PDB file of N, CA and C in Angstrom:
ATOM      1  N   UNK A   1     -48.501  12.095 -59.307  1.00  0.00           N
ATOM      2  CA  UNK A   1     -48.256  10.723 -58.906  1.00  0.00           C
ATOM      3  C   UNK A   1     -49.077   9.722 -59.722  1.00  0.00           C
ATOM      4  N   UNK A   2     -50.168  10.146 -60.289  1.00  0.00           N
ATOM      5  CA  UNK A   2     -51.109   9.198 -60.881  1.00  0.00           C
ATOM      6  C   UNK A   2     -50.861   8.937 -62.363  1.00  0.00           C
ATOM      7  N   UNK A   3     -50.492   9.929 -63.114  1.00  0.00           N
ATOM      8  CA  UNK A   3     -50.379   9.778 -64.562  1.00  0.00           C
ATOM      9  C   UNK A   3     -49.466   8.603 -64.932  1.00  0.00           C
ATOM     10  N   UNK A   4     -50.023   7.656 -65.690  1.00  0.00           N
ATOM     11  CA  UNK A   4     -49.254   6.511 -66.169  1.00  0.00           C
ATOM     12  C   UNK A   4     -49.003   5.430 -65.132  1.00  0.00           C
ATOM     13  N   UNK A   5     -49.686   5.514 -63.994  1.00  0.00           N
ATOM     14  CA  UNK A   5     -49.468   4.534 -62.919  1.00  0.00           C
ATOM     15  C   UNK A   5     -50.797   3.968 -62.431  1.00  0.00           C
ATOM     16  N   UNK A   6     -50.725   2.822 -61.812  1.00  0.00           N
ATOM     17  CA  UNK A   6     -51.877   2.255 -61.127  1.00  0.00           C
ATOM     18  C   UNK A   6     -51.895   2.790 -59.701  1.00  0.00           C
ATOM     19  N   UNK A   7     -53.077   2.895 -59.128  1.00  0.00           N
ATOM     20  CA  UNK A   7     -53.216   3.495 -57.806  1.00  0.00           C
ATOM     21  C   UNK A   7     -53.989   2.566 -56.886  1.00  0.00           C
ATOM     22  N   UNK A   8     -53.509   2.440 -55.657  1.00  0.00           N
ATOM     23  CA  UNK A   8     -54.219   1.740 -54.590  1.00  0.00           C
ATOM     24  C   UNK A   8     -54.425   2.763 -53.488  1.00  0.00           C
ATOM     25  N   UNK A   9     -55.651   2.895 -53.022  1.00  0.00           N
ATOM     26  CA  UNK A   9     -55.968   3.887 -52.002  1.00  0.00           C
ATOM     27  C   UNK A   9     -56.405   3.169 -50.733  1.00  0.00           C
ATOM     28  N   UNK A  10     -55.840   3.575 -49.610  1.00  0.00           N
ATOM     29  CA  UNK A  10     -56.256   3.015 -48.326  1.00  0.00           C
ATOM     30  C   UNK A  10     -55.948   3.993 -47.216  1.00  0.00           C
ATOM     31  N   UNK A  11     -56.621   3.798 -46.107  1.00  0.00           N
ATOM     32  CA  UNK A  11     -56.387   4.640 -44.929  1.00  0.00           C
ATOM     33  C   UNK A  11     -56.025   3.726 -43.765  1.00  0.00           C
ATOM     34  N   UNK A  12     -54.786   3.770 -43.298  1.00  0.00           N
ATOM     35  CA  UNK A  12     -54.382   2.890 -42.210  1.00  0.00           C
ATOM     36  C   UNK A  12     -55.083   3.179 -40.890  1.00  0.00           C
ATOM     37  N   UNK A  13     -55.673   4.347 -40.745  1.00  0.00           N
ATOM     38  CA  UNK A  13     -56.357   4.677 -39.499  1.00  0.00           C
ATOM     39  C   UNK A  13     -57.816   4.237 -39.516  1.00  0.00           C
ATOM     40  N   UNK A  14     -58.487   4.454 -40.626  1.00  0.00           N
ATOM     41  CA  UNK A  14     -59.926   4.232 -40.676  1.00  0.00           C
ATOM     42  C   UNK A  14     -60.336   2.875 -41.247  1.00  0.00           C
ATOM     43  N   UNK A  15     -59.454   2.227 -41.978  1.00  0.00           N
ATOM     44  CA  UNK A  15     -59.784   0.939 -42.600  1.00  0.00           C
ATOM     45  C   UNK A  15     -59.295  -0.223 -41.751  1.00  0.00           C
ATOM     46  N   UNK A  16     -59.910  -1.373 -41.965  1.00  0.00           N
ATOM     47  CA  UNK A  16     -59.412  -2.620 -41.385  1.00  0.00           C
ATOM     48  C   UNK A  16     -58.291  -3.095 -42.299  1.00  0.00           C
ATOM     49  N   UNK A  17     -57.053  -3.000 -41.852  1.00  0.00           N
ATOM     50  CA  UNK A  17     -55.893  -3.203 -42.733  1.00  0.00           C
ATOM     51  C   UNK A  17     -55.361  -4.632 -42.780  1.00  0.00           C
ATOM     52  N   UNK A  18     -55.981  -5.545 -42.063  1.00  0.00           N
ATOM     53  CA  UNK A  18     -55.475  -6.922 -42.003  1.00  0.00           C
ATOM     54  C   UNK A  18     -55.280  -7.542 -43.388  1.00  0.00           C
ATOM     55  N   UNK A  19     -56.240  -7.361 -44.262  1.00  0.00           N
ATOM     56  CA  UNK A  19     -56.154  -7.997 -45.581  1.00  0.00           C
ATOM     57  C   UNK A  19     -55.302  -7.210 -46.571  1.00  0.00           C
ATOM     58  N   UNK A  20     -54.978  -5.966 -46.270  1.00  0.00           N
ATOM     59  CA  UNK A  20     -54.232  -5.133 -47.211  1.00  0.00           C
ATOM     60  C   UNK A  20     -52.850  -5.686 -47.537  1.00  0.00           C
ATOM     61  N   UNK A  21     -52.153  -6.184 -46.553  1.00  0.00           N
ATOM     62  CA  UNK A  21     -50.787  -6.682 -46.796  1.00  0.00           C
ATOM     63  C   UNK A  21     -50.828  -7.831 -47.788  1.00  0.00           C
ATOM     64  N   UNK A  22     -51.736  -8.781 -47.580  1.00  0.00           N
ATOM     65  CA  UNK A  22     -51.851  -9.928 -48.495  1.00  0.00           C
ATOM     66  C   UNK A  22     -52.217  -9.490 -49.902  1.00  0.00           C
ATOM     67  N   UNK A  23     -53.226  -8.636 -50.013  1.00  0.00           N
ATOM     68  CA  UNK A  23     -53.681  -8.182 -51.334  1.00  0.00           C
ATOM     69  C   UNK A  23     -52.580  -7.408 -52.053  1.00  0.00           C
ATOM     70  N   UNK A  24     -51.936  -6.519 -51.337  1.00  0.00           N
ATOM     71  CA  UNK A  24     -50.875  -5.727 -51.943  1.00  0.00           C
ATOM     72  C   UNK A  24     -49.685  -6.609 -52.325  1.00  0.00           C
ATOM     73  N   UNK A  25     -49.349  -7.586 -51.504  1.00  0.00           N
ATOM     74  CA  UNK A  25     -48.248  -8.502 -51.822  1.00  0.00           C
ATOM     75  C   UNK A  25     -48.529  -9.265 -53.109  1.00  0.00           C
ATOM     76  N   UNK A  26     -49.770  -9.682 -53.312  1.00  0.00           N
ATOM     77  CA  UNK A  26     -50.085 -10.410 -54.543  1.00  0.00           C
ATOM     78  C   UNK A  26     -49.976  -9.500 -55.764  1.00  0.00           C
ATOM     79  N   UNK A  27     -50.304  -8.240 -55.616  1.00  0.00           N
ATOM     80  CA  UNK A  27     -50.133  -7.284 -56.714  1.00  0.00           C
ATOM     81  C   UNK A  27     -48.648  -7.053 -56.979  1.00  0.00           C
ATOM     82  N   UNK A  28     -47.884  -6.846 -55.918  1.00  0.00           N
ATOM     83  CA  UNK A  28     -46.460  -6.513 -56.055  1.00  0.00           C
ATOM     84  C   UNK A  28     -45.597  -7.693 -56.494  1.00  0.00           C
ATOM     85  N   UNK A  29     -46.138  -8.887 -56.446  1.00  0.00           N
ATOM     86  CA  UNK A  29     -45.392 -10.055 -56.918  1.00  0.00           C
ATOM     87  C   UNK A  29     -45.174 -10.004 -58.432  1.00  0.00           C
ATOM     88  N   UNK A  30     -45.929  -9.174 -59.131  1.00  0.00           N
ATOM     89  CA  UNK A  30     -45.792  -9.013 -60.568  1.00  0.00           C
ATOM     90  C   UNK A  30     -44.438  -8.373 -60.876  1.00  0.00           C
ATOM     91  N   UNK A  31     -43.576  -9.077 -61.605  1.00  0.00           N
ATOM     92  CA  UNK A  31     -42.220  -8.562 -61.839  1.00  0.00           C
ATOM     93  C   UNK A  31     -42.142  -7.333 -62.743  1.00  0.00           C
ATOM     94  N   UNK A  32     -43.252  -6.945 -63.377  1.00  0.00           N
ATOM     95  CA  UNK A  32     -43.218  -5.756 -64.238  1.00  0.00           C
ATOM     96  C   UNK A  32     -43.379  -4.464 -63.447  1.00  0.00           C
ATOM     97  N   UNK A  33     -43.664  -4.565 -62.159  1.00  0.00           N
ATOM     98  CA  UNK A  33     -43.800  -3.381 -61.307  1.00  0.00           C
ATOM     99  C   UNK A  33     -42.412  -3.032 -60.763  1.00  0.00           C
ATOM    100  N   UNK A  34     -41.847  -1.875 -61.145  1.00  0.00           N
ATOM    101  CA  UNK A  34     -40.487  -1.550 -60.729  1.00  0.00           C
ATOM    102  C   UNK A  34     -40.397  -0.816 -59.394  1.00  0.00           C
ATOM    103  N   UNK A  35     -41.484  -0.112 -59.000  1.00  0.00           N
ATOM    104  CA  UNK A  35     -41.386   0.756 -57.836  1.00  0.00           C
ATOM    105  C   UNK A  35     -42.750   0.913 -57.186  1.00  0.00           C
ATOM    106  N   UNK A  36     -42.736   1.073 -55.868  1.00  0.00           N
ATOM    107  CA  UNK A  36     -43.943   1.393 -55.110  1.00  0.00           C
ATOM    108  C   UNK A  36     -43.703   2.750 -54.471  1.00  0.00           C
ATOM    109  N   UNK A  37     -44.675   3.650 -54.603  1.00  0.00           N
ATOM    110  CA  UNK A  37     -44.530   4.994 -54.052  1.00  0.00           C
ATOM    111  C   UNK A  37     -45.677   5.258 -53.078  1.00  0.00           C
ATOM    112  N   UNK A  38     -45.482   4.946 -51.785  1.00  0.00           N
ATOM    113  CA  UNK A  38     -46.504   5.343 -50.819  1.00  0.00           C
ATOM    114  C   UNK A  38     -46.517   6.864 -50.694  1.00  0.00           C
ATOM    115  N   UNK A  39     -47.671   7.453 -50.879  1.00  0.00           N
ATOM    116  CA  UNK A  39     -47.828   8.906 -50.739  1.00  0.00           C
ATOM    117  C   UNK A  39     -48.631   9.128 -49.468  1.00  0.00           C
ATOM    118  N   UNK A  40     -47.992   9.737 -48.491  1.00  0.00           N
ATOM    119  CA  UNK A  40     -48.618   9.928 -47.178  1.00  0.00           C
ATOM    120  C   UNK A  40     -48.703  11.413 -46.845  1.00  0.00           C
ATOM    121  N   UNK A  41     -49.679  11.744 -46.015  1.00  0.00           N
ATOM    122  CA  UNK A  41     -49.768  13.117 -45.525  1.00  0.00           C
ATOM    123  C   UNK A  41     -48.867  13.247 -44.301  1.00  0.00           C
ATOM    124  N   UNK A  42     -48.518  14.463 -43.961  1.00  0.00           N
ATOM    125  CA  UNK A  42     -47.632  14.686 -42.818  1.00  0.00           C
ATOM    126  C   UNK A  42     -48.397  14.641 -41.491  1.00  0.00           C
ATOM    127  N   UNK A  43     -49.170  13.590 -41.322  1.00  0.00           N
ATOM    128  CA  UNK A  43     -49.878  13.344 -40.065  1.00  0.00           C
ATOM    129  C   UNK A  43     -49.467  11.954 -39.589  1.00  0.00           C
ATOM    130  N   UNK A  44     -49.374  11.734 -38.286  1.00  0.00           N
ATOM    131  CA  UNK A  44     -48.832  10.474 -37.768  1.00  0.00           C
ATOM    132  C   UNK A  44     -49.521   9.209 -38.257  1.00  0.00           C
ATOM    133  N   UNK A  45     -50.828   9.228 -38.415  1.00  0.00           N
ATOM    134  CA  UNK A  45     -51.533   7.999 -38.772  1.00  0.00           C
ATOM    135  C   UNK A  45     -51.188   7.509 -40.175  1.00  0.00           C
ATOM    136  N   UNK A  46     -50.749   8.380 -41.056  1.00  0.00           N
ATOM    137  CA  UNK A  46     -50.417   7.972 -42.425  1.00  0.00           C
ATOM    138  C   UNK A  46     -49.160   7.109 -42.490  1.00  0.00           C
ATOM    139  N   UNK A  47     -48.299   7.179 -41.485  1.00  0.00           N
ATOM    140  CA  UNK A  47     -47.082   6.356 -41.481  1.00  0.00           C
ATOM    141  C   UNK A  47     -47.415   4.873 -41.534  1.00  0.00           C
ATOM    142  N   UNK A  48     -48.598   4.513 -41.086  1.00  0.00           N
ATOM    143  CA  UNK A  48     -49.020   3.109 -41.150  1.00  0.00           C
ATOM    144  C   UNK A  48     -49.025   2.576 -42.571  1.00  0.00           C
ATOM    145  N   UNK A  49     -49.278   3.444 -43.549  1.00  0.00           N
ATOM    146  CA  UNK A  49     -49.274   3.026 -44.947  1.00  0.00           C
ATOM    147  C   UNK A  49     -47.898   2.523 -45.361  1.00  0.00           C
ATOM    148  N   UNK A  50     -46.861   3.213 -44.947  1.00  0.00           N
ATOM    149  CA  UNK A  50     -45.503   2.803 -45.288  1.00  0.00           C
ATOM    150  C   UNK A  50     -45.185   1.441 -44.687  1.00  0.00           C
ATOM    151  N   UNK A  51     -45.645   1.180 -43.479  1.00  0.00           N
ATOM    152  CA  UNK A  51     -45.425  -0.131 -42.852  1.00  0.00           C
ATOM    153  C   UNK A  51     -46.178  -1.230 -43.592  1.00  0.00           C
ATOM    154  N   UNK A  52     -47.388  -0.948 -44.025  1.00  0.00           N
ATOM    155  CA  UNK A  52     -48.167  -1.920 -44.800  1.00  0.00           C
ATOM    156  C   UNK A  52     -47.443  -2.246 -46.098  1.00  0.00           C
ATOM    157  N   UNK A  53     -46.956  -1.224 -46.789  1.00  0.00           N
ATOM    158  CA  UNK A  53     -46.238  -1.427 -48.048  1.00  0.00           C
ATOM    159  C   UNK A  53     -44.962  -2.234 -47.821  1.00  0.00           C
ATOM    160  N   UNK A  54     -44.198  -1.890 -46.800  1.00  0.00           N
ATOM    161  CA  UNK A  54     -42.949  -2.624 -46.515  1.00  0.00           C
ATOM    162  C   UNK A  54     -43.233  -4.096 -46.214  1.00  0.00           C
ATOM    163  N   UNK A  55     -44.268  -4.371 -45.444  1.00  0.00           N
ATOM    164  CA  UNK A  55     -44.638  -5.759 -45.148  1.00  0.00           C
ATOM    165  C   UNK A  55     -45.073  -6.493 -46.412  1.00  0.00           C
ATOM    166  N   UNK A  56     -45.810  -5.803 -47.271  1.00  0.00           N
ATOM    167  CA  UNK A  56     -46.272  -6.421 -48.512  1.00  0.00           C
ATOM    168  C   UNK A  56     -45.112  -6.725 -49.452  1.00  0.00           C
ATOM    169  N   UNK A  57     -44.138  -5.825 -49.514  1.00  0.00           N
ATOM    170  CA  UNK A  57     -42.967  -6.068 -50.364  1.00  0.00           C
ATOM    171  C   UNK A  57     -42.218  -7.301 -49.869  1.00  0.00           C
ATOM    172  N   UNK A  58     -42.040  -7.423 -48.565  1.00  0.00           N
ATOM    173  CA  UNK A  58     -41.371  -8.613 -48.011  1.00  0.00           C
ATOM    174  C   UNK A  58     -42.137  -9.871 -48.365  1.00  0.00           C
ATOM    175  N   UNK A  59     -43.447  -9.830 -48.213  1.00  0.00           N
ATOM    176  CA  UNK A  59     -44.293 -10.988 -48.479  1.00  0.00           C
ATOM    177  C   UNK A  59     -44.354 -11.331 -49.968  1.00  0.00           C
ATOM    178  N   UNK A  60     -44.127 -10.344 -50.826  1.00  0.00           N
ATOM    179  CA  UNK A  60     -44.184 -10.574 -52.278  1.00  0.00           C
ATOM    180  C   UNK A  60     -43.041 -11.462 -52.755  1.00  0.00           C
ATOM    181  N   UNK A  61     -41.970 -11.539 -51.949  1.00  0.00           N
ATOM    182  CA  UNK A  61     -40.826 -12.350 -52.330  1.00  0.00           C
ATOM    183  C   UNK A  61     -39.846 -11.640 -53.264  1.00  0.00           C
ATOM    184  N   UNK A  62     -40.069 -10.382 -53.522  1.00  0.00           N
ATOM    185  CA  UNK A  62     -39.194  -9.642 -54.429  1.00  0.00           C
ATOM    186  C   UNK A  62     -38.168  -8.840 -53.645  1.00  0.00           C
ATOM    187  N   UNK A  63     -36.927  -8.887 -54.115  1.00  0.00           N
ATOM    188  CA  UNK A  63     -35.887  -8.079 -53.480  1.00  0.00           C
ATOM    189  C   UNK A  63     -35.410  -6.959 -54.401  1.00  0.00           C
ATOM    190  N   UNK A  64     -36.028  -6.864 -55.583  1.00  0.00           N
ATOM    191  CA  UNK A  64     -35.645  -5.834 -56.551  1.00  0.00           C
ATOM    192  C   UNK A  64     -36.617  -4.661 -56.596  1.00  0.00           C
ATOM    193  N   UNK A  65     -37.672  -4.722 -55.823  1.00  0.00           N
ATOM    194  CA  UNK A  65     -38.713  -3.694 -55.855  1.00  0.00           C
ATOM    195  C   UNK A  65     -38.291  -2.469 -55.055  1.00  0.00           C
ATOM    196  N   UNK A  66     -38.299  -1.325 -55.680  1.00  0.00           N
ATOM    197  CA  UNK A  66     -37.925  -0.073 -55.021  1.00  0.00           C
ATOM    198  C   UNK A  66     -39.138   0.486 -54.276  1.00  0.00           C
ATOM    199  N   UNK A  67     -38.887   1.093 -53.126  1.00  0.00           N
ATOM    200  CA  UNK A  67     -39.929   1.774 -52.351  1.00  0.00           C
ATOM    201  C   UNK A  67     -39.466   3.200 -52.125  1.00  0.00           C
ATOM    202  N   UNK A  68     -40.351   4.157 -52.434  1.00  0.00           N
ATOM    203  CA  UNK A  68     -40.009   5.563 -52.264  1.00  0.00           C
ATOM    204  C   UNK A  68     -41.193   6.276 -51.606  1.00  0.00           C
ATOM    205  N   UNK A  69     -41.043   6.612 -50.341  1.00  0.00           N
ATOM    206  CA  UNK A  69     -42.114   7.297 -49.627  1.00  0.00           C
ATOM    207  C   UNK A  69     -42.100   8.788 -49.953  1.00  0.00           C
ATOM    208  N   UNK A  70     -43.254   9.318 -50.283  1.00  0.00           N
ATOM    209  CA  UNK A  70     -43.413  10.754 -50.541  1.00  0.00           C
ATOM    210  C   UNK A  70     -44.368  11.310 -49.500  1.00  0.00           C
ATOM    211  N   UNK A  71     -43.956  12.360 -48.820  1.00  0.00           N
ATOM    212  CA  UNK A  71     -44.791  12.992 -47.797  1.00  0.00           C
ATOM    213  C   UNK A  71     -45.339  14.302 -48.342  1.00  0.00           C
ATOM    214  N   UNK A  72     -46.657  14.433 -48.277  1.00  0.00           N
ATOM    215  CA  UNK A  72     -47.342  15.629 -48.741  1.00  0.00           C
ATOM    216  C   UNK A  72     -47.724  16.457 -47.522  1.00  0.00           C
ATOM    217  N   UNK A  73     -47.381  17.726 -47.560  1.00  0.00           N
ATOM    218  CA  UNK A  73     -47.696  18.622 -46.456  1.00  0.00           C
ATOM    219  C   UNK A  73     -49.164  18.981 -46.421  1.00  0.00           C
ATOM    220  N   UNK A  74     -49.577  19.541 -45.327  1.00  0.00           N
ATOM    221  CA  UNK A  74     -50.965  19.967 -45.173  1.00  0.00           C
ATOM    222  C   UNK A  74     -51.341  21.044 -46.185  1.00  0.00           C
ATOM    223  N   UNK A  75     -50.331  21.726 -46.710  1.00  0.00           N
ATOM    224  CA  UNK A  75     -50.582  22.754 -47.722  1.00  0.00           C
ATOM    225  C   UNK A  75     -50.538  22.203 -49.142  1.00  0.00           C
ATOM    226  N   UNK A  76     -50.341  20.877 -49.289  1.00  0.00           N
ATOM    227  CA  UNK A  76     -50.343  20.239 -50.600  1.00  0.00           C
ATOM    228  C   UNK A  76     -48.992  20.135 -51.274  1.00  0.00           C
ATOM    229  N   UNK A  77     -47.944  20.651 -50.658  1.00  0.00           N
ATOM    230  CA  UNK A  77     -46.616  20.573 -51.254  1.00  0.00           C
ATOM    231  C   UNK A  77     -45.919  19.281 -50.837  1.00  0.00           C
ATOM    232  N   UNK A  78     -44.978  18.838 -51.661  1.00  0.00           N
ATOM    233  CA  UNK A  78     -44.187  17.655 -51.332  1.00  0.00           C
ATOM    234  C   UNK A  78     -43.140  18.081 -50.307  1.00  0.00           C
ATOM    235  N   UNK A  79     -43.195  17.475 -49.131  1.00  0.00           N
ATOM    236  CA  UNK A  79     -42.268  17.828 -48.043  1.00  0.00           C
ATOM    237  C   UNK A  79     -41.013  16.971 -48.039  1.00  0.00           C
ATOM    238  N   UNK A  80     -41.193  15.667 -48.320  1.00  0.00           N
ATOM    239  CA  UNK A  80     -40.041  14.745 -48.272  1.00  0.00           C
ATOM    240  C   UNK A  80     -40.232  13.653 -49.298  1.00  0.00           C
ATOM    241  N   UNK A  81     -39.122  13.215 -49.870  1.00  0.00           N
ATOM    242  CA  UNK A  81     -39.084  12.015 -50.704  1.00  0.00           C
ATOM    243  C   UNK A  81     -37.975  11.162 -50.124  1.00  0.00           C
ATOM    244  N   UNK A  82     -38.344   9.974 -49.630  1.00  0.00           N
ATOM    245  CA  UNK A  82     -37.382   9.124 -48.929  1.00  0.00           C
ATOM    246  C   UNK A  82     -37.319   7.749 -49.590  1.00  0.00           C
ATOM    247  N   UNK A  83     -36.174   7.370 -50.199  1.00  0.00           N
ATOM    248  CA  UNK A  83     -36.019   5.990 -50.669  1.00  0.00           C
ATOM    249  C   UNK A  83     -35.912   5.079 -49.449  1.00  0.00           C
ATOM    250  N   UNK A  84     -36.674   4.001 -49.430  1.00  0.00           N
ATOM    251  CA  UNK A  84     -36.694   3.142 -48.253  1.00  0.00           C
ATOM    252  C   UNK A  84     -35.906   1.854 -48.417  1.00  0.00           C
ATOM    253  N   UNK A  85     -35.273   1.665 -49.540  1.00  0.00           N
ATOM    254  CA  UNK A  85     -34.422   0.480 -49.687  1.00  0.00           C
ATOM    255  C   UNK A  85     -33.291   0.760 -50.637  1.00  0.00           C
TER     256      UNK A  85
END
């Protein structure tokens, strides 16, 4: 997931996420970014990351930005890849 890409790391359970949507929206407003790939673990609290990303995409004002959620299993394998728009 990392090679050739920029990475933002956050934990929706342990971090104060209020400012994340604004910060991420300002990053995603850059028209050279074609896709956002939230990579979450298969635990319930990680789903919050996908909601943060979706809110940030809406706030960015872009309707061309692709979102693709990737779920990583507890064993490290990719369990699901879901296009969200």
